[in-house]
Amino acid sequence: MTKIYYYISQNGNNPFSDFLDSLEHKQQAKILRLIFQIEEYGLISILPHTKKLSNTPFWEIRILGKDNLRIIYLIPTENEIVILHAFNKKSKKTPTKEIQIAINRYSDWKSHN
């Protein structure tokens, strides 16, 4: 089993939860299905949906098709992941702005764990 942690800001906000709440039910279901798969069977179970982000410690879960959603996470230990950021991808390359958000959240997370 893989333990999934979600970045929580210092004021108690969960940006991933906020992102999920902003989506349509069908999009939420796609994401939650992948999250449950990871918890039960590990990251290997969703391999076609993952990709390493070059020059960063981060990985992304890719929800392809009409929805083109991304979830940026990192793997602090073998059976853990920390979800830092999620967004709607509109360009071919992952925008620097989105990676910077993940970097900032990772720094914050590291300083509190």
PDB file of N, CA and C in Angstrom:
ATOM      1  N   MET A   1       0.834  -1.197   0.000  1.00  0.00           N
ATOM      2  CA  MET A   1       0.000   0.000   0.000  1.00  0.00           C
ATOM      3  C   MET A   1       0.871   1.250   0.000  1.00  0.00           C
ATOM      4  N   THR A   2       0.383   2.249  -0.665  1.00  0.00           N
ATOM      5  CA  THR A   2       1.085   3.524  -0.736  1.00  0.00           C
ATOM      6  C   THR A   2       0.308   4.558   0.058  1.00  0.00           C
ATOM      7  N   LYS A   3       1.002   5.288   0.899  1.00  0.00           N
ATOM      8  CA  LYS A   3       0.396   6.347   1.689  1.00  0.00           C
ATOM      9  C   LYS A   3       0.465   7.637   0.880  1.00  0.00           C
ATOM     10  N   ILE A   4      -0.664   8.316   0.763  1.00  0.00           N
ATOM     11  CA  ILE A   4      -0.718   9.573   0.017  1.00  0.00           C
ATOM     12  C   ILE A   4      -0.945  10.717   0.997  1.00  0.00           C
ATOM     13  N   TYR A   5      -0.070  11.704   0.901  1.00  0.00           N
ATOM     14  CA  TYR A   5      -0.198  12.918   1.700  1.00  0.00           C
ATOM     15  C   TYR A   5      -0.527  14.068   0.749  1.00  0.00           C
ATOM     16  N   TYR A   6      -1.232  15.036   1.277  1.00  0.00           N
ATOM     17  CA  TYR A   6      -1.608  16.208   0.496  1.00  0.00           C
ATOM     18  C   TYR A   6      -0.984  17.430   1.139  1.00  0.00           C
ATOM     19  N   TYR A   7      -0.415  18.288   0.300  1.00  0.00           N
ATOM     20  CA  TYR A   7       0.149  19.527   0.816  1.00  0.00           C
ATOM     21  C   TYR A   7      -0.969  20.349   1.460  1.00  0.00           C
ATOM     22  N   ILE A   8      -0.727  20.775   2.696  1.00  0.00           N
ATOM     23  CA  ILE A   8      -1.642  21.660   3.418  1.00  0.00           C
ATOM     24  C   ILE A   8      -0.862  22.932   3.736  1.00  0.00           C
ATOM     25  N   SER A   9      -1.416  24.083   3.349  1.00  0.00           N
ATOM     26  CA  SER A   9      -0.715  25.343   3.592  1.00  0.00           C
ATOM     27  C   SER A   9      -0.697  25.649   5.090  1.00  0.00           C
ATOM     28  N   GLN A  10       0.121  26.617   5.469  1.00  0.00           N
ATOM     29  CA  GLN A  10       0.234  26.980   6.881  1.00  0.00           C
ATOM     30  C   GLN A  10      -1.078  27.479   7.469  1.00  0.00           C
ATOM     31  N   ASN A  11      -1.946  28.030   6.621  1.00  0.00           N
ATOM     32  CA  ASN A  11      -3.239  28.493   7.134  1.00  0.00           C
ATOM     33  C   ASN A  11      -4.314  27.410   7.040  1.00  0.00           C
ATOM     34  N   GLY A  12      -3.895  26.170   6.725  1.00  0.00           N
ATOM     35  CA  GLY A  12      -4.821  25.040   6.757  1.00  0.00           C
ATOM     36  C   GLY A  12      -5.539  24.730   5.453  1.00  0.00           C
ATOM     37  N   ASN A  13      -5.225  25.455   4.382  1.00  0.00           N
ATOM     38  CA  ASN A  13      -5.876  25.186   3.094  1.00  0.00           C
ATOM     39  C   ASN A  13      -5.279  23.957   2.427  1.00  0.00           C
ATOM     40  N   ASN A  14      -6.121  23.204   1.740  1.00  0.00           N
ATOM     41  CA  ASN A  14      -5.680  22.055   0.953  1.00  0.00           C
ATOM     42  C   ASN A  14      -5.930  22.400  -0.513  1.00  0.00           C
ATOM     43  N   PRO A  15      -4.901  22.890  -1.229  1.00  0.00           N
ATOM     44  CA  PRO A  15      -5.089  23.321  -2.615  1.00  0.00           C
ATOM     45  C   PRO A  15      -5.565  22.199  -3.539  1.00  0.00           C
ATOM     46  N   PHE A  16      -5.147  20.963  -3.272  1.00  0.00           N
ATOM     47  CA  PHE A  16      -5.588  19.850  -4.111  1.00  0.00           C
ATOM     48  C   PHE A  16      -7.086  19.631  -3.961  1.00  0.00           C
ATOM     49  N   SER A  17      -7.571  19.684  -2.739  1.00  0.00           N
ATOM     50  CA  SER A  17      -9.003  19.529  -2.484  1.00  0.00           C
ATOM     51  C   SER A  17      -9.792  20.658  -3.155  1.00  0.00           C
ATOM     52  N   ASP A  18      -9.260  21.873  -3.064  1.00  0.00           N
ATOM     53  CA  ASP A  18      -9.913  23.018  -3.717  1.00  0.00           C
ATOM     54  C   ASP A  18      -9.978  22.804  -5.231  1.00  0.00           C
ATOM     55  N   PHE A  19      -8.890  22.298  -5.803  1.00  0.00           N
ATOM     56  CA  PHE A  19      -8.861  22.019  -7.237  1.00  0.00           C
ATOM     57  C   PHE A  19      -9.915  20.970  -7.598  1.00  0.00           C
ATOM     58  N   LEU A  20      -9.963  19.887  -6.829  1.00  0.00           N
ATOM     59  CA  LEU A  20     -10.957  18.837  -7.082  1.00  0.00           C
ATOM     60  C   LEU A  20     -12.376  19.400  -7.043  1.00  0.00           C
ATOM     61  N   ASP A  21     -12.640  20.237  -6.038  1.00  0.00           N
ATOM     62  CA  ASP A  21     -13.976  20.826  -5.895  1.00  0.00           C
ATOM     63  C   ASP A  21     -14.359  21.700  -7.084  1.00  0.00           C
ATOM     64  N   SER A  22     -13.357  22.242  -7.785  1.00  0.00           N
ATOM     65  CA  SER A  22     -13.631  23.129  -8.919  1.00  0.00           C
ATOM     66  C   SER A  22     -13.963  22.363 -10.204  1.00  0.00           C
ATOM     67  N   LEU A  23     -13.763  21.056 -10.199  1.00  0.00           N
ATOM     68  CA  LEU A  23     -13.943  20.248 -11.408  1.00  0.00           C
ATOM     69  C   LEU A  23     -15.344  19.678 -11.520  1.00  0.00           C
ATOM     70  N   GLU A  24     -15.661  19.247 -12.739  1.00  0.00           N
ATOM     71  CA  GLU A  24     -16.928  18.552 -12.965  1.00  0.00           C
ATOM     72  C   GLU A  24     -16.837  17.163 -12.343  1.00  0.00           C
ATOM     73  N   HIS A  25     -17.981  16.568 -12.081  1.00  0.00           N
ATOM     74  CA  HIS A  25     -18.047  15.261 -11.426  1.00  0.00           C
ATOM     75  C   HIS A  25     -17.240  14.200 -12.177  1.00  0.00           C
ATOM     76  N   LYS A  26     -17.330  14.185 -13.488  1.00  0.00           N
ATOM     77  CA  LYS A  26     -16.625  13.195 -14.295  1.00  0.00           C
ATOM     78  C   LYS A  26     -15.106  13.332 -14.145  1.00  0.00           C
ATOM     79  N   GLN A  27     -14.625  14.572 -14.123  1.00  0.00           N
ATOM     80  CA  GLN A  27     -13.187  14.819 -13.944  1.00  0.00           C
ATOM     81  C   GLN A  27     -12.742  14.382 -12.547  1.00  0.00           C
ATOM     82  N   GLN A  28     -13.551  14.705 -11.543  1.00  0.00           N
ATOM     83  CA  GLN A  28     -13.246  14.291 -10.175  1.00  0.00           C
ATOM     84  C   GLN A  28     -13.130  12.777 -10.092  1.00  0.00           C
ATOM     85  N   ALA A  29     -14.059  12.084 -10.726  1.00  0.00           N
ATOM     86  CA  ALA A  29     -14.076  10.617 -10.691  1.00  0.00           C
ATOM     87  C   ALA A  29     -12.801  10.035 -11.306  1.00  0.00           C
ATOM     88  N   LYS A  30     -12.341  10.609 -12.409  1.00  0.00           N
ATOM     89  CA  LYS A  30     -11.107  10.130 -13.046  1.00  0.00           C
ATOM     90  C   LYS A  30      -9.920  10.256 -12.097  1.00  0.00           C
ATOM     91  N   ILE A  31      -9.805  11.408 -11.470  1.00  0.00           N
ATOM     92  CA  ILE A  31      -8.688  11.655 -10.556  1.00  0.00           C
ATOM     93  C   ILE A  31      -8.777  10.741  -9.341  1.00  0.00           C
ATOM     94  N   LEU A  32      -9.945  10.665  -8.742  1.00  0.00           N
ATOM     95  CA  LEU A  32     -10.092   9.854  -7.535  1.00  0.00           C
ATOM     96  C   LEU A  32      -9.861   8.370  -7.818  1.00  0.00           C
ATOM     97  N   ARG A  33     -10.247   7.910  -8.992  1.00  0.00           N
ATOM     98  CA  ARG A  33     -10.005   6.509  -9.364  1.00  0.00           C
ATOM     99  C   ARG A  33      -8.496   6.233  -9.391  1.00  0.00           C
ATOM    100  N   LEU A  34      -7.715   7.161  -9.962  1.00  0.00           N
ATOM    101  CA  LEU A  34      -6.258   6.991  -9.995  1.00  0.00           C
ATOM    102  C   LEU A  34      -5.657   7.058  -8.592  1.00  0.00           C
ATOM    103  N   ILE A  35      -6.148   7.951  -7.765  1.00  0.00           N
ATOM    104  CA  ILE A  35      -5.651   8.087  -6.385  1.00  0.00           C
ATOM    105  C   ILE A  35      -5.898   6.783  -5.616  1.00  0.00           C
ATOM    106  N   PHE A  36      -7.094   6.232  -5.737  1.00  0.00           N
ATOM    107  CA  PHE A  36      -7.409   4.986  -5.035  1.00  0.00           C
ATOM    108  C   PHE A  36      -6.550   3.833  -5.559  1.00  0.00           C
ATOM    109  N   GLN A  37      -6.302   3.815  -6.860  1.00  0.00           N
ATOM    110  CA  GLN A  37      -5.430   2.791  -7.441  1.00  0.00           C
ATOM    111  C   GLN A  37      -4.025   2.873  -6.862  1.00  0.00           C
ATOM    112  N   ILE A  38      -3.515   4.087  -6.734  1.00  0.00           N
ATOM    113  CA  ILE A  38      -2.175   4.282  -6.160  1.00  0.00           C
ATOM    114  C   ILE A  38      -2.145   3.762  -4.725  1.00  0.00           C
ATOM    115  N   GLU A  39      -3.154   4.127  -3.940  1.00  0.00           N
ATOM    116  CA  GLU A  39      -3.196   3.692  -2.541  1.00  0.00           C
ATOM    117  C   GLU A  39      -3.203   2.172  -2.430  1.00  0.00           C
ATOM    118  N   GLU A  40      -3.989   1.527  -3.257  1.00  0.00           N
ATOM    119  CA  GLU A  40      -4.141   0.068  -3.186  1.00  0.00           C
ATOM    120  C   GLU A  40      -2.968  -0.694  -3.789  1.00  0.00           C
ATOM    121  N   TYR A  41      -2.508  -0.271  -4.972  1.00  0.00           N
ATOM    122  CA  TYR A  41      -1.569  -1.077  -5.744  1.00  0.00           C
ATOM    123  C   TYR A  41      -0.225  -0.399  -6.010  1.00  0.00           C
ATOM    124  N   GLY A  42      -0.068   0.837  -5.571  1.00  0.00           N
ATOM    125  CA  GLY A  42       1.183   1.557  -5.777  1.00  0.00           C
ATOM    126  C   GLY A  42       1.220   2.307  -7.097  1.00  0.00           C
ATOM    127  N   LEU A  43       2.237   3.113  -7.251  1.00  0.00           N
ATOM    128  CA  LEU A  43       2.378   3.938  -8.453  1.00  0.00           C
ATOM    129  C   LEU A  43       2.520   3.112  -9.719  1.00  0.00           C
ATOM    130  N   ILE A  44       3.063   1.924  -9.601  1.00  0.00           N
ATOM    131  CA  ILE A  44       3.260   1.079 -10.780  1.00  0.00           C
ATOM    132  C   ILE A  44       1.923   0.776 -11.474  1.00  0.00           C
ATOM    133  N   SER A  45       0.843   0.802 -10.713  1.00  0.00           N
ATOM    134  CA  SER A  45      -0.470   0.470 -11.279  1.00  0.00           C
ATOM    135  C   SER A  45      -1.000   1.540 -12.231  1.00  0.00           C
ATOM    136  N   ILE A  46      -0.422   2.736 -12.193  1.00  0.00           N
ATOM    137  CA  ILE A  46      -0.899   3.803 -13.086  1.00  0.00           C
ATOM    138  C   ILE A  46       0.203   4.276 -14.025  1.00  0.00           C
ATOM    139  N   LEU A  47       1.201   3.423 -14.258  1.00  0.00           N
ATOM    140  CA  LEU A  47       2.374   3.806 -15.045  1.00  0.00           C
ATOM    141  C   LEU A  47       2.120   4.581 -16.337  1.00  0.00           C
ATOM    142  N   PRO A  48       1.172   4.227 -17.149  1.00  0.00           N
ATOM    143  CA  PRO A  48       1.025   5.042 -18.362  1.00  0.00           C
ATOM    144  C   PRO A  48       0.608   6.488 -18.059  1.00  0.00           C
ATOM    145  N   HIS A  49       0.171   6.739 -16.832  1.00  0.00           N
ATOM    146  CA  HIS A  49      -0.312   8.076 -16.467  1.00  0.00           C
ATOM    147  C   HIS A  49       0.731   8.914 -15.738  1.00  0.00           C
ATOM    148  N   THR A  50       1.950   8.402 -15.561  1.00  0.00           N
ATOM    149  CA  THR A  50       2.955   9.165 -14.829  1.00  0.00           C
ATOM    150  C   THR A  50       4.115   9.565 -15.731  1.00  0.00           C
ATOM    151  N   LYS A  51       4.733  10.664 -15.349  1.00  0.00           N
ATOM    152  CA  LYS A  51       5.875  11.154 -16.117  1.00  0.00           C
ATOM    153  C   LYS A  51       6.762  11.973 -15.180  1.00  0.00           C
ATOM    154  N   LYS A  52       8.073  11.787 -15.293  1.00  0.00           N
ATOM    155  CA  LYS A  52       9.036  12.567 -14.515  1.00  0.00           C
ATOM    156  C   LYS A  52       9.160  13.948 -15.141  1.00  0.00           C
ATOM    157  N   LEU A  53       9.127  14.979 -14.304  1.00  0.00           N
ATOM    158  CA  LEU A  53       9.335  16.344 -14.797  1.00  0.00           C
ATOM    159  C   LEU A  53      10.827  16.623 -14.819  1.00  0.00           C
ATOM    160  N   SER A  54      11.359  16.897 -15.983  1.00  0.00           N
ATOM    161  CA  SER A  54      12.797  17.107 -16.175  1.00  0.00           C
ATOM    162  C   SER A  54      13.356  18.178 -15.247  1.00  0.00           C
ATOM    163  N   ASN A  55      14.549  17.917 -14.744  1.00  0.00           N
ATOM    164  CA  ASN A  55      15.293  18.869 -13.917  1.00  0.00           C
ATOM    165  C   ASN A  55      14.584  19.273 -12.631  1.00  0.00           C
ATOM    166  N   THR A  56      13.709  18.410 -12.125  1.00  0.00           N
ATOM    167  CA  THR A  56      13.023  18.658 -10.856  1.00  0.00           C
ATOM    168  C   THR A  56      12.950  17.337 -10.091  1.00  0.00           C
ATOM    169  N   PRO A  57      12.625  17.401  -8.799  1.00  0.00           N
ATOM    170  CA  PRO A  57      12.408  16.158  -8.051  1.00  0.00           C
ATOM    171  C   PRO A  57      10.975  15.639  -8.217  1.00  0.00           C
ATOM    172  N   PHE A  58      10.208  16.275  -9.088  1.00  0.00           N
ATOM    173  CA  PHE A  58       8.777  16.010  -9.188  1.00  0.00           C
ATOM    174  C   PHE A  58       8.395  15.056 -10.317  1.00  0.00           C
ATOM    175  N   TRP A  59       7.235  14.479 -10.134  1.00  0.00           N
ATOM    176  CA  TRP A  59       6.575  13.645 -11.128  1.00  0.00           C
ATOM    177  C   TRP A  59       5.200  14.245 -11.358  1.00  0.00           C
ATOM    178  N   GLU A  60       4.569  13.857 -12.458  1.00  0.00           N
ATOM    179  CA  GLU A  60       3.196  14.301 -12.675  1.00  0.00           C
ATOM    180  C   GLU A  60       2.325  13.121 -13.075  1.00  0.00           C
ATOM    181  N   ILE A  61       1.100  13.175 -12.590  1.00  0.00           N
ATOM    182  CA  ILE A  61       0.067  12.243 -13.033  1.00  0.00           C
ATOM    183  C   ILE A  61      -0.661  12.965 -14.143  1.00  0.00           C
ATOM    184  N   ARG A  62      -0.797  12.284 -15.271  1.00  0.00           N
ATOM    185  CA  ARG A  62      -1.409  12.894 -16.452  1.00  0.00           C
ATOM    186  C   ARG A  62      -2.781  12.275 -16.690  1.00  0.00           C
ATOM    187  N   ILE A  63      -3.792  13.111 -16.681  1.00  0.00           N
ATOM    188  CA  ILE A  63      -5.130  12.691 -17.068  1.00  0.00           C
ATOM    189  C   ILE A  63      -5.332  13.269 -18.459  1.00  0.00           C
ATOM    190  N   LEU A  64      -5.298  12.384 -19.442  1.00  0.00           N
ATOM    191  CA  LEU A  64      -5.284  12.813 -20.837  1.00  0.00           C
ATOM    192  C   LEU A  64      -6.683  12.871 -21.427  1.00  0.00           C
ATOM    193  N   GLY A  65      -6.735  13.248 -22.686  1.00  0.00           N
ATOM    194  CA  GLY A  65      -8.010  13.349 -23.382  1.00  0.00           C
ATOM    195  C   GLY A  65      -8.542  14.755 -23.312  1.00  0.00           C
ATOM    196  N   LYS A  66      -9.825  14.851 -23.339  1.00  0.00           N
ATOM    197  CA  LYS A  66     -10.480  16.160 -23.313  1.00  0.00           C
ATOM    198  C   LYS A  66     -10.119  16.936 -22.047  1.00  0.00           C
ATOM    199  N   ASP A  67      -9.851  16.220 -20.964  1.00  0.00           N
ATOM    200  CA  ASP A  67      -9.656  16.879 -19.671  1.00  0.00           C
ATOM    201  C   ASP A  67      -8.239  17.396 -19.434  1.00  0.00           C
ATOM    202  N   ASN A  68      -7.219  16.797 -19.969  1.00  0.00           N
ATOM    203  CA  ASN A  68      -5.838  17.250 -19.868  1.00  0.00           C
ATOM    204  C   ASN A  68      -5.482  17.887 -18.517  1.00  0.00           C
ATOM    205  N   LEU A  69      -5.630  17.120 -17.449  1.00  0.00           N
ATOM    206  CA  LEU A  69      -5.344  17.578 -16.096  1.00  0.00           C
ATOM    207  C   LEU A  69      -3.989  17.032 -15.655  1.00  0.00           C
ATOM    208  N   ARG A  70      -3.323  17.757 -14.758  1.00  0.00           N
ATOM    209  CA  ARG A  70      -2.033  17.325 -14.236  1.00  0.00           C
ATOM    210  C   ARG A  70      -2.017  17.441 -12.714  1.00  0.00           C
ATOM    211  N   ILE A  71      -1.347  16.474 -12.085  1.00  0.00           N
ATOM    212  CA  ILE A  71      -1.147  16.482 -10.641  1.00  0.00           C
ATOM    213  C   ILE A  71       0.354  16.322 -10.411  1.00  0.00           C
ATOM    214  N   ILE A  72       0.960  17.301  -9.765  1.00  0.00           N
ATOM    215  CA  ILE A  72       2.394  17.250  -9.493  1.00  0.00           C
ATOM    216  C   ILE A  72       2.606  16.691  -8.087  1.00  0.00           C
ATOM    217  N   TYR A  73       3.500  15.702  -8.010  1.00  0.00           N
ATOM    218  CA  TYR A  73       3.766  15.066  -6.722  1.00  0.00           C
ATOM    219  C   TYR A  73       5.250  14.729  -6.610  1.00  0.00           C
ATOM    220  N   LEU A  74       5.656  14.338  -5.403  1.00  0.00           N
ATOM    221  CA  LEU A  74       7.001  13.845  -5.202  1.00  0.00           C
ATOM    222  C   LEU A  74       6.925  12.581  -4.365  1.00  0.00           C
ATOM    223  N   ILE A  75       8.028  11.838  -4.364  1.00  0.00           N
ATOM    224  CA  ILE A  75       8.082  10.557  -3.671  1.00  0.00           C
ATOM    225  C   ILE A  75       9.159  10.655  -2.585  1.00  0.00           C
ATOM    226  N   PRO A  76       8.769  10.998  -1.322  1.00  0.00           N
ATOM    227  CA  PRO A  76       9.784  11.143  -0.273  1.00  0.00           C
ATOM    228  C   PRO A  76      10.372   9.804   0.188  1.00  0.00           C
ATOM    229  N   THR A  77       9.571   8.743   0.195  1.00  0.00           N
ATOM    230  CA  THR A  77      10.042   7.402   0.523  1.00  0.00           C
ATOM    231  C   THR A  77       9.371   6.415  -0.419  1.00  0.00           C
ATOM    232  N   GLU A  78       9.798   5.178  -0.351  1.00  0.00           N
ATOM    233  CA  GLU A  78       9.341   4.176  -1.308  1.00  0.00           C
ATOM    234  C   GLU A  78       7.822   4.013  -1.383  1.00  0.00           C
ATOM    235  N   ASN A  79       7.142   4.065  -0.270  1.00  0.00           N
ATOM    236  CA  ASN A  79       5.697   3.824  -0.263  1.00  0.00           C
ATOM    237  C   ASN A  79       4.887   5.053   0.128  1.00  0.00           C
ATOM    238  N   GLU A  80       5.394   6.220  -0.214  1.00  0.00           N
ATOM    239  CA  GLU A  80       4.696   7.467   0.082  1.00  0.00           C
ATOM    240  C   GLU A  80       4.768   8.404  -1.116  1.00  0.00           C
ATOM    241  N   ILE A  81       3.715   9.182  -1.299  1.00  0.00           N
ATOM    242  CA  ILE A  81       3.783  10.304  -2.233  1.00  0.00           C
ATOM    243  C   ILE A  81       3.152  11.513  -1.561  1.00  0.00           C
ATOM    244  N   VAL A  82       3.603  12.685  -1.973  1.00  0.00           N
ATOM    245  CA  VAL A  82       3.045  13.946  -1.492  1.00  0.00           C
ATOM    246  C   VAL A  82       2.518  14.687  -2.710  1.00  0.00           C
ATOM    247  N   ILE A  83       1.219  14.924  -2.720  1.00  0.00           N
ATOM    248  CA  ILE A  83       0.603  15.682  -3.810  1.00  0.00           C
ATOM    249  C   ILE A  83       0.734  17.163  -3.478  1.00  0.00           C
ATOM    250  N   LEU A  84       1.402  17.892  -4.363  1.00  0.00           N
ATOM    251  CA  LEU A  84       1.703  19.302  -4.121  1.00  0.00           C
ATOM    252  C   LEU A  84       0.799  20.254  -4.883  1.00  0.00           C
ATOM    253  N   HIS A  85       0.435  19.879  -6.098  1.00  0.00           N
ATOM    254  CA  HIS A  85      -0.252  20.846  -6.958  1.00  0.00           C
ATOM    255  C   HIS A  85      -1.021  20.119  -8.051  1.00  0.00           C
ATOM    256  N   ALA A  86      -2.097  20.711  -8.494  1.00  0.00           N
ATOM    257  CA  ALA A  86      -2.876  20.170  -9.618  1.00  0.00           C
ATOM    258  C   ALA A  86      -3.372  21.345 -10.441  1.00  0.00           C
ATOM    259  N   PHE A  87      -3.466  21.120 -11.745  1.00  0.00           N
ATOM    260  CA  PHE A  87      -3.895  22.200 -12.626  1.00  0.00           C
ATOM    261  C   PHE A  87      -4.410  21.636 -13.941  1.00  0.00           C
ATOM    262  N   ASN A  88      -5.067  22.489 -14.680  1.00  0.00           N
ATOM    263  CA  ASN A  88      -5.570  22.189 -16.015  1.00  0.00           C
ATOM    264  C   ASN A  88      -4.472  22.584 -16.998  1.00  0.00           C
ATOM    265  N   LYS A  89      -3.948  21.646 -17.738  1.00  0.00           N
ATOM    266  CA  LYS A  89      -2.845  21.929 -18.659  1.00  0.00           C
ATOM    267  C   LYS A  89      -3.399  22.370 -20.003  1.00  0.00           C
ATOM    268  N   LYS A  90      -2.926  23.527 -20.462  1.00  0.00           N
ATOM    269  CA  LYS A  90      -3.434  24.078 -21.718  1.00  0.00           C
ATOM    270  C   LYS A  90      -2.378  24.171 -22.807  1.00  0.00           C
ATOM    271  N   SER A  91      -1.119  23.904 -22.439  1.00  0.00           N
ATOM    272  CA  SER A  91      -0.047  23.985 -23.432  1.00  0.00           C
ATOM    273  C   SER A  91       0.695  22.652 -23.483  1.00  0.00           C
ATOM    274  N   LYS A  92       1.528  22.513 -24.476  1.00  0.00           N
ATOM    275  CA  LYS A  92       2.254  21.257 -24.663  1.00  0.00           C
ATOM    276  C   LYS A  92       3.237  20.992 -23.523  1.00  0.00           C
ATOM    277  N   LYS A  93       3.951  22.021 -23.108  1.00  0.00           N
ATOM    278  CA  LYS A  93       4.954  21.907 -22.052  1.00  0.00           C
ATOM    279  C   LYS A  93       4.336  22.338 -20.717  1.00  0.00           C
ATOM    280  N   THR A  94       4.770  21.679 -19.630  1.00  0.00           N
ATOM    281  CA  THR A  94       4.279  22.080 -18.305  1.00  0.00           C
ATOM    282  C   THR A  94       4.784  23.494 -18.019  1.00  0.00           C
ATOM    283  N   PRO A  95       3.877  24.444 -17.784  1.00  0.00           N
ATOM    284  CA  PRO A  95       4.288  25.836 -17.568  1.00  0.00           C
ATOM    285  C   PRO A  95       5.207  25.996 -16.350  1.00  0.00           C
ATOM    286  N   THR A  96       6.210  26.848 -16.495  1.00  0.00           N
ATOM    287  CA  THR A  96       7.151  27.140 -15.418  1.00  0.00           C
ATOM    288  C   THR A  96       6.406  27.621 -14.178  1.00  0.00           C
ATOM    289  N   LYS A  97       5.363  28.390 -14.368  1.00  0.00           N
ATOM    290  CA  LYS A  97       4.571  28.918 -13.251  1.00  0.00           C
ATOM    291  C   LYS A  97       4.021  27.781 -12.390  1.00  0.00           C
ATOM    292  N   GLU A  98       3.544  26.724 -13.025  1.00  0.00           N
ATOM    293  CA  GLU A  98       2.968  25.583 -12.301  1.00  0.00           C
ATOM    294  C   GLU A  98       4.052  24.821 -11.549  1.00  0.00           C
ATOM    295  N   ILE A  99       5.223  24.676 -12.165  1.00  0.00           N
ATOM    296  CA  ILE A  99       6.346  24.005 -11.499  1.00  0.00           C
ATOM    297  C   ILE A  99       6.810  24.843 -10.315  1.00  0.00           C
ATOM    298  N   GLN A 100       6.826  26.160 -10.471  1.00  0.00           N
ATOM    299  CA  GLN A 100       7.249  27.037  -9.379  1.00  0.00           C
ATOM    300  C   GLN A 100       6.306  26.922  -8.183  1.00  0.00           C
ATOM    301  N   ILE A 101       5.028  26.787  -8.427  1.00  0.00           N
ATOM    302  CA  ILE A 101       4.065  26.587  -7.332  1.00  0.00           C
ATOM    303  C   ILE A 101       4.424  25.307  -6.578  1.00  0.00           C
ATOM    304  N   ALA A 102       4.716  24.231  -7.316  1.00  0.00           N
ATOM    305  CA  ALA A 102       5.097  22.964  -6.680  1.00  0.00           C
ATOM    306  C   ALA A 102       6.395  23.121  -5.884  1.00  0.00           C
ATOM    307  N   ILE A 103       7.366  23.847  -6.428  1.00  0.00           N
ATOM    308  CA  ILE A 103       8.634  24.075  -5.726  1.00  0.00           C
ATOM    309  C   ILE A 103       8.391  24.815  -4.413  1.00  0.00           C
ATOM    310  N   ASN A 104       7.576  25.867  -4.463  1.00  0.00           N
ATOM    311  CA  ASN A 104       7.272  26.640  -3.257  1.00  0.00           C
ATOM    312  C   ASN A 104       6.568  25.783  -2.207  1.00  0.00           C
ATOM    313  N   ARG A 105       5.614  24.971  -2.641  1.00  0.00           N
ATOM    314  CA  ARG A 105       4.893  24.107  -1.705  1.00  0.00           C
ATOM    315  C   ARG A 105       5.806  23.028  -1.144  1.00  0.00           C
ATOM    316  N   TYR A 106       6.697  22.515  -1.972  1.00  0.00           N
ATOM    317  CA  TYR A 106       7.651  21.505  -1.509  1.00  0.00           C
ATOM    318  C   TYR A 106       8.561  22.098  -0.433  1.00  0.00           C
ATOM    319  N   SER A 107       9.058  23.307  -0.651  1.00  0.00           N
ATOM    320  CA  SER A 107       9.906  23.978   0.338  1.00  0.00           C
ATOM    321  C   SER A 107       9.154  24.162   1.651  1.00  0.00           C
ATOM    322  N   ASP A 108       7.912  24.589   1.548  1.00  0.00           N
ATOM    323  CA  ASP A 108       7.086  24.774   2.735  1.00  0.00           C
ATOM    324  C   ASP A 108       6.856  23.440   3.439  1.00  0.00           C
ATOM    325  N   TRP A 109       6.531  22.413   2.676  1.00  0.00           N
ATOM    326  CA  TRP A 109       6.271  21.081   3.234  1.00  0.00           C
ATOM    327  C   TRP A 109       7.525  20.551   3.942  1.00  0.00           C
ATOM    328  N   LYS A 110       8.683  20.701   3.287  1.00  0.00           N
ATOM    329  CA  LYS A 110       9.945  20.221   3.862  1.00  0.00           C
ATOM    330  C   LYS A 110      10.267  20.913   5.192  1.00  0.00           C
ATOM    331  N   SER A 111       9.969  22.183   5.272  1.00  0.00           N
ATOM    332  CA  SER A 111      10.302  22.926   6.489  1.00  0.00           C
ATOM    333  C   SER A 111       9.403  22.538   7.668  1.00  0.00           C
ATOM    334  N   HIS A 112       8.296  21.858   7.396  1.00  0.00           N
ATOM    335  CA  HIS A 112       7.368  21.469   8.463  1.00  0.00           C
ATOM    336  C   HIS A 112       7.328  19.957   8.700  1.00  0.00           C
ATOM    337  N   ASN A 113       8.139  19.210   7.969  1.00  0.00           N
ATOM    338  CA  ASN A 113       8.136  17.741   8.122  1.00  0.00           C
ATOM    339  C   ASN A 113       9.529  17.199   8.352  1.00  0.00           C
TER     340      ASN A 113
END
